[in-house]
């Protein structure tokens, strides 16, 4: 877990899964891939296998060991709902989130169909928890907007959109059932431009619908120089965060033992590589 994330809309990151594969245009300049591939072949490094998909069971219990309430981005370096992640492993992650409920969790995916299906079945026990926020990426009309329908059709108590990188004008969107919208431009080498009027349209729609709006960044090659102010204002809105008591050390230890018993290294190997570097029917 990274205790102090540089991502503007979270406090920390937790990665019980590492690695991913590309599925839509928003993945083209994936920051996780860029970072992970830098360490491919470095013996002993957490990303020795680069951005190949891996399960990391030793990371499952981390939130239970962290006593100070935090906002946690779940799998910042992967996608929890990737086809290569077993259902039971996703359930294990959700059990930890439910148990360590003094934190607030932000779960973001591009695999919205699987999110919807599991929240109505194996993850039903976690869907209604207001300290777990479930979100989808919405980068364009073709790939992004359909994910909104899946999210809206799910049983999630708190729903959010990550409109980043925003690659085109989304037009008028249906914000019914959405609690939070994050908007941001792409950053780094080869960053695709984002136009101001696209952002203003989304901000105005959020304000009209009463949806909390967070503007993350303009992006570009010089992200810090471009900043994150929109018309002179910094938008840092969030949904309400539940204030749940921190579990006792005894309770946390008991939960940790249960998780380690049910989801051991025997059940899930320390890493499993699934279709390394293969995109899911999407060409970049």
Protein backbone atom coordinates (compact mmCIF):
# COMPACT_ATOMS: atom_id res chain seq x y z
CA UNK A 1 0.00 0.00 0.00
CA UNK A 2 1.18 3.50 -0.79
CA UNK A 3 0.32 5.55 2.31
CA UNK A 4 0.60 8.94 0.58
CA UNK A 5 -0.65 8.82 -2.98
CA UNK A 6 0.08 11.63 -5.43
CA UNK A 7 -3.32 11.07 -7.04
CA UNK A 8 -5.33 14.19 -6.24
CA UNK A 9 -8.60 12.48 -5.34
CA UNK A 10 -7.34 9.83 -2.93
CA UNK A 11 -5.11 9.41 0.12
CA UNK A 12 -3.56 6.01 -0.49
CA UNK A 13 -3.46 3.09 -2.91
CA UNK A 14 -3.89 -0.65 -2.28
CA UNK A 15 -2.87 -3.19 -4.93
CA UNK A 16 -3.79 -6.82 -4.16
CA UNK A 17 -3.72 -7.21 -7.96
CA UNK A 18 -0.96 -5.92 -10.23
CA UNK A 19 -0.88 -5.53 -13.98
CA UNK A 20 -3.55 -5.27 -16.63
CA UNK A 21 -4.31 -5.40 -20.37
CA UNK A 22 -5.62 -2.67 -22.66
CA UNK A 23 -9.32 -2.61 -23.42
CA UNK A 24 -10.22 0.84 -24.85
CA UNK A 25 -8.72 4.16 -26.05
CA UNK A 26 -8.34 5.43 -22.50
CA UNK A 27 -5.66 2.77 -21.98
CA UNK A 28 -3.39 3.99 -24.77
CA UNK A 29 -0.93 5.88 -22.55
CA UNK A 30 -1.55 3.89 -19.36
CA UNK A 31 0.46 5.33 -16.46
CA UNK A 32 0.45 1.95 -14.66
CA UNK A 33 1.97 0.20 -17.66
CA UNK A 34 4.61 2.91 -18.10
CA UNK A 35 5.63 2.61 -14.47
CA UNK A 36 5.53 -1.18 -14.23
CA UNK A 37 7.41 -1.89 -17.46
CA UNK A 38 10.25 0.29 -16.23
CA UNK A 39 11.08 -2.47 -13.75
CA UNK A 40 10.53 -5.56 -15.90
CA UNK A 41 13.33 -8.00 -15.28
CA UNK A 42 14.58 -6.24 -12.14
CA UNK A 43 14.97 -9.21 -9.82
CA UNK A 44 13.07 -8.90 -6.56
CA UNK A 45 11.17 -5.75 -7.56
CA UNK A 46 7.37 -5.81 -7.08
CA UNK A 47 7.07 -5.21 -10.84
CA UNK A 48 9.71 -7.70 -11.93
CA UNK A 49 7.04 -9.11 -14.29
CA UNK A 50 6.26 -5.65 -15.64
CA UNK A 51 2.56 -5.04 -16.25
CA UNK A 52 1.64 -8.73 -16.58
CA UNK A 53 -1.45 -9.56 -14.54
CA UNK A 54 -0.62 -10.92 -11.08
CA UNK A 55 -2.51 -11.73 -7.91
CA UNK A 56 -0.75 -10.63 -4.72
CA UNK A 57 -2.44 -12.42 -1.79
CA UNK A 58 0.14 -11.09 0.67
CA UNK A 59 -1.41 -7.64 0.13
CA UNK A 60 -5.00 -8.66 0.91
CA UNK A 61 -4.95 -7.78 4.60
CA UNK A 62 -3.16 -4.43 4.37
CA UNK A 63 -6.14 -2.14 5.12
CA UNK A 64 -6.77 -4.05 8.35
CA UNK A 65 -3.25 -3.20 9.51
CA UNK A 66 -3.66 0.50 8.73
CA UNK A 67 -5.29 2.09 11.76
CA UNK A 68 -5.70 5.68 10.55
CA UNK A 69 -8.83 6.20 8.37
CA UNK A 70 -7.90 6.86 4.76
CA UNK A 71 -9.50 7.20 1.35
CA UNK A 72 -8.07 4.25 -0.57
CA UNK A 73 -7.92 3.78 -4.35
CA UNK A 74 -8.23 0.03 -4.86
CA UNK A 75 -5.92 -1.42 -7.52
CA UNK A 76 -4.45 1.78 -8.88
CA UNK A 77 -2.07 -0.46 -10.87
CA UNK A 78 -4.68 -2.86 -12.22
CA UNK A 79 -8.41 -3.50 -12.66
CA UNK A 80 -10.11 -5.60 -9.98
CA UNK A 81 -12.69 -6.83 -12.51
CA UNK A 82 -10.19 -7.98 -15.13
CA UNK A 83 -11.28 -11.31 -16.66
CA UNK A 84 -8.12 -12.95 -15.33
CA UNK A 85 -8.96 -12.22 -11.67
CA UNK A 86 -11.01 -15.10 -10.16
CA UNK A 87 -14.41 -14.30 -8.65
CA UNK A 88 -13.34 -15.66 -5.27
CA UNK A 89 -10.33 -13.37 -5.19
CA UNK A 90 -12.54 -10.35 -5.88
CA UNK A 91 -14.77 -11.54 -3.03
CA UNK A 92 -11.69 -11.70 -0.78
CA UNK A 93 -10.85 -8.08 -1.59
CA UNK A 94 -14.45 -7.03 -0.88
CA UNK A 95 -14.47 -8.91 2.46
CA UNK A 96 -11.45 -6.88 3.55
CA UNK A 97 -13.16 -3.64 2.52
CA UNK A 98 -16.28 -4.53 4.49
CA UNK A 99 -14.24 -5.54 7.55
CA UNK A 100 -11.93 -2.49 7.55
CA UNK A 101 -14.83 -0.07 7.23
CA UNK A 102 -13.11 2.89 8.91
CA UNK A 103 -11.55 3.53 5.49
CA UNK A 104 -13.34 4.75 2.37
CA UNK A 105 -12.62 2.70 -0.77
CA UNK A 106 -12.67 3.85 -4.39
CA UNK A 107 -13.00 0.92 -6.81
CA UNK A 108 -12.61 1.93 -10.46
CA UNK A 109 -13.02 -0.34 -13.48
CA UNK A 110 -13.36 -0.40 -17.25
CA UNK A 111 -14.94 -3.89 -17.03
CA UNK A 112 -18.37 -2.54 -16.12
CA UNK A 113 -20.40 -5.58 -17.18
CA UNK A 114 -18.57 -7.80 -14.72
CA UNK A 115 -18.93 -5.14 -12.02
CA UNK A 116 -22.71 -5.08 -12.51
CA UNK A 117 -23.01 -8.86 -12.55
CA UNK A 118 -20.95 -9.45 -9.41
CA UNK A 119 -22.56 -6.66 -7.39
CA UNK A 120 -25.88 -8.41 -7.91
CA UNK A 121 -24.52 -11.83 -6.94
CA UNK A 122 -21.27 -12.68 -5.18
CA UNK A 123 -20.58 -9.09 -4.10
CA UNK A 124 -24.11 -8.30 -2.96
CA UNK A 125 -22.89 -8.23 0.65
CA UNK A 126 -20.64 -5.25 -0.21
CA UNK A 127 -22.79 -3.38 -2.74
CA UNK A 128 -24.81 -1.46 -0.16
CA UNK A 129 -21.86 -0.34 1.96
CA UNK A 130 -21.60 3.44 1.73
CA UNK A 131 -17.88 3.45 2.56
CA UNK A 132 -17.21 1.56 -0.69
CA UNK A 133 -17.54 3.70 -3.82
CA UNK A 134 -17.86 1.85 -7.13
CA UNK A 135 -16.86 3.66 -10.32
CA UNK A 136 -16.30 3.28 -14.06
CA UNK A 137 -13.98 5.04 -16.51
CA UNK A 138 -15.66 7.20 -19.14
CA UNK A 139 -13.16 8.53 -21.67
CA UNK A 140 -15.36 8.81 -24.77
CA UNK A 141 -18.81 8.09 -26.22
CA UNK A 142 -18.16 4.72 -27.83
CA UNK A 143 -16.48 2.91 -24.96
CA UNK A 144 -17.14 5.11 -21.94
CA UNK A 145 -20.82 5.97 -22.04
CA UNK A 146 -22.06 2.35 -22.13
CA UNK A 147 -20.19 1.73 -18.86
CA UNK A 148 -22.40 4.35 -17.22
CA UNK A 149 -25.44 2.24 -17.98
CA UNK A 150 -23.86 -0.80 -16.36
CA UNK A 151 -22.96 1.22 -13.27
CA UNK A 152 -26.39 2.78 -13.02
CA UNK A 153 -27.94 -0.68 -13.40
CA UNK A 154 -25.87 -2.06 -10.53
CA UNK A 155 -26.87 -2.24 -6.87
CA UNK A 156 -23.96 -0.02 -5.76
CA UNK A 157 -24.87 2.40 -2.97
CA UNK A 158 -22.33 5.00 -4.10
CA UNK A 159 -21.47 5.39 -7.78
CA UNK A 160 -18.83 7.55 -9.46
CA UNK A 161 -17.37 8.31 -12.88
CA UNK A 162 -13.72 8.86 -13.70
CA UNK A 163 -13.85 10.94 -16.88
CA UNK A 164 -10.12 10.77 -17.44
CA UNK A 165 -8.57 11.07 -19.87
CA UNK A 166 -11.42 13.03 -21.40
CA UNK A 167 -10.88 12.46 -25.12
CA UNK A 168 -13.91 14.14 -26.68
CA UNK A 169 -17.06 16.11 -25.95
CA UNK A 170 -19.45 13.67 -24.26
CA UNK A 171 -22.48 15.81 -24.97
CA UNK A 172 -25.44 15.61 -22.61
CA UNK A 173 -25.08 12.63 -20.26
CA UNK A 174 -27.53 10.95 -17.89
CA UNK A 175 -26.31 11.58 -14.35
CA UNK A 176 -29.22 9.93 -12.57
CA UNK A 177 -27.91 7.68 -9.81
CA UNK A 178 -24.37 9.09 -10.05
CA UNK A 179 -22.86 10.57 -6.88
CA UNK A 180 -19.50 11.89 -8.04
CA UNK A 181 -17.72 12.85 -11.28
CA UNK A 182 -13.94 13.21 -11.65
CA UNK A 183 -12.71 14.96 -14.80
CA UNK A 184 -9.15 15.26 -16.04
CA UNK A 185 -6.94 15.53 -19.10
CA UNK A 186 -4.26 13.08 -20.15
CA UNK A 187 -0.71 13.82 -19.03
CA UNK A 188 2.77 12.76 -20.05
CA UNK A 189 4.47 12.14 -23.39
CA UNK A 190 1.99 11.94 -26.26
CA UNK A 191 -0.87 13.31 -24.16
CA UNK A 192 -4.01 13.87 -26.20
CA UNK A 193 -5.50 17.37 -25.77
CA UNK A 194 -8.63 18.14 -23.76
CA UNK A 195 -10.71 21.20 -24.64
CA UNK A 196 -12.03 23.57 -22.00
CA UNK A 197 -15.59 23.55 -23.33
CA UNK A 198 -15.80 19.76 -22.80
CA UNK A 199 -14.93 20.24 -19.14
CA UNK A 200 -17.29 23.17 -18.64
CA UNK A 201 -20.14 21.16 -20.10
CA UNK A 202 -19.60 18.37 -17.57
CA UNK A 203 -19.19 20.80 -14.68
CA UNK A 204 -22.42 22.58 -15.57
CA UNK A 205 -24.32 19.31 -15.92
CA UNK A 206 -23.06 18.14 -12.53
CA UNK A 207 -24.09 21.40 -10.88
CA UNK A 208 -27.55 21.21 -12.45
CA UNK A 209 -27.99 17.58 -11.34
CA UNK A 210 -26.56 18.13 -7.85
CA UNK A 211 -23.65 15.74 -8.51
CA UNK A 212 -20.32 16.42 -6.80
CA UNK A 213 -17.63 17.50 -9.24
CA UNK A 214 -13.85 17.05 -8.95
CA UNK A 215 -11.54 18.58 -11.53
CA UNK A 216 -8.26 16.68 -11.35
CA UNK A 217 -6.01 18.30 -13.95
CA UNK A 218 -5.61 19.87 -17.37
CA UNK A 219 -2.83 17.39 -18.09
CA UNK A 220 -0.50 17.75 -21.01
CA UNK A 221 3.25 17.23 -21.16
CA UNK A 222 3.78 19.71 -18.29
CA UNK A 223 1.01 18.67 -15.93
CA UNK A 224 2.11 20.73 -12.93
CA UNK A 225 2.50 23.87 -14.99
CA UNK A 226 -0.98 23.45 -16.47
CA UNK A 227 -2.45 23.04 -12.98
CA UNK A 228 -5.99 22.08 -12.02
CA UNK A 229 -7.93 25.33 -11.72
CA UNK A 230 -11.02 25.75 -13.87
CA UNK A 231 -12.13 29.33 -14.48
CA UNK A 232 -10.11 30.37 -11.45
CA UNK A 233 -11.65 27.75 -9.14
CA UNK A 234 -10.30 24.49 -7.72
CA UNK A 235 -13.07 21.88 -7.66
CA UNK A 236 -12.46 19.38 -4.84
CA UNK A 237 -15.94 18.00 -4.19
CA UNK A 238 -16.48 14.51 -2.76
CA UNK A 239 -19.48 12.39 -1.75
CA UNK A 240 -20.12 12.23 2.02
CA UNK A 241 -17.70 9.90 3.80
CA UNK A 242 -19.07 7.63 6.54
CA UNK A 243 -17.27 7.90 9.87
CA UNK A 244 -17.05 4.33 11.14
CA UNK A 245 -15.09 3.36 14.25
CA UNK A 246 -11.69 1.74 13.89
CA UNK A 247 -11.86 -1.97 14.70
CA UNK A 248 -10.01 -3.26 17.70
CA UNK A 249 -6.62 -4.89 17.22
CA UNK A 250 -8.17 -8.18 18.35
CA UNK A 251 -10.96 -7.90 15.75
CA UNK A 252 -8.49 -7.07 13.00
CA UNK A 253 -6.22 -9.97 13.95
CA UNK A 254 -9.17 -12.37 13.89
CA UNK A 255 -10.29 -11.13 10.46
CA UNK A 256 -6.73 -11.37 9.15
CA UNK A 257 -6.45 -14.99 10.27
CA UNK A 258 -9.78 -15.83 8.63
CA UNK A 259 -8.73 -14.23 5.35
CA UNK A 260 -5.33 -15.90 5.41
CA UNK A 261 -7.04 -19.25 6.00
CA UNK A 262 -9.70 -18.86 3.33
CA UNK A 263 -7.53 -17.10 0.75
CA UNK A 264 -4.11 -18.57 1.29
CA UNK A 265 -1.13 -18.85 -1.04
CA UNK A 266 -2.29 -22.41 -1.68
CA UNK A 267 -5.59 -21.10 -3.04
CA UNK A 268 -4.03 -18.25 -4.97
CA UNK A 269 -0.36 -18.53 -6.03
CA UNK A 270 1.87 -15.55 -5.26
CA UNK A 271 1.48 -14.52 -8.84
CA UNK A 272 -0.28 -15.80 -11.94
CA UNK A 273 0.40 -14.30 -15.34
CA UNK A 274 -2.64 -14.05 -17.59
CA UNK A 275 -2.18 -13.21 -21.28
CA UNK A 276 0.90 -11.03 -20.66
CA UNK A 277 0.85 -7.81 -22.70
CA UNK A 278 -2.14 -8.93 -24.75
CA UNK A 279 -4.82 -6.31 -25.31
CA UNK A 280 -8.45 -7.46 -25.06
CA UNK A 281 -9.54 -7.01 -28.66
CA UNK A 282 -8.41 -3.40 -28.70
CA UNK A 283 -5.52 -2.10 -30.77
CA UNK A 284 -3.58 0.97 -29.72
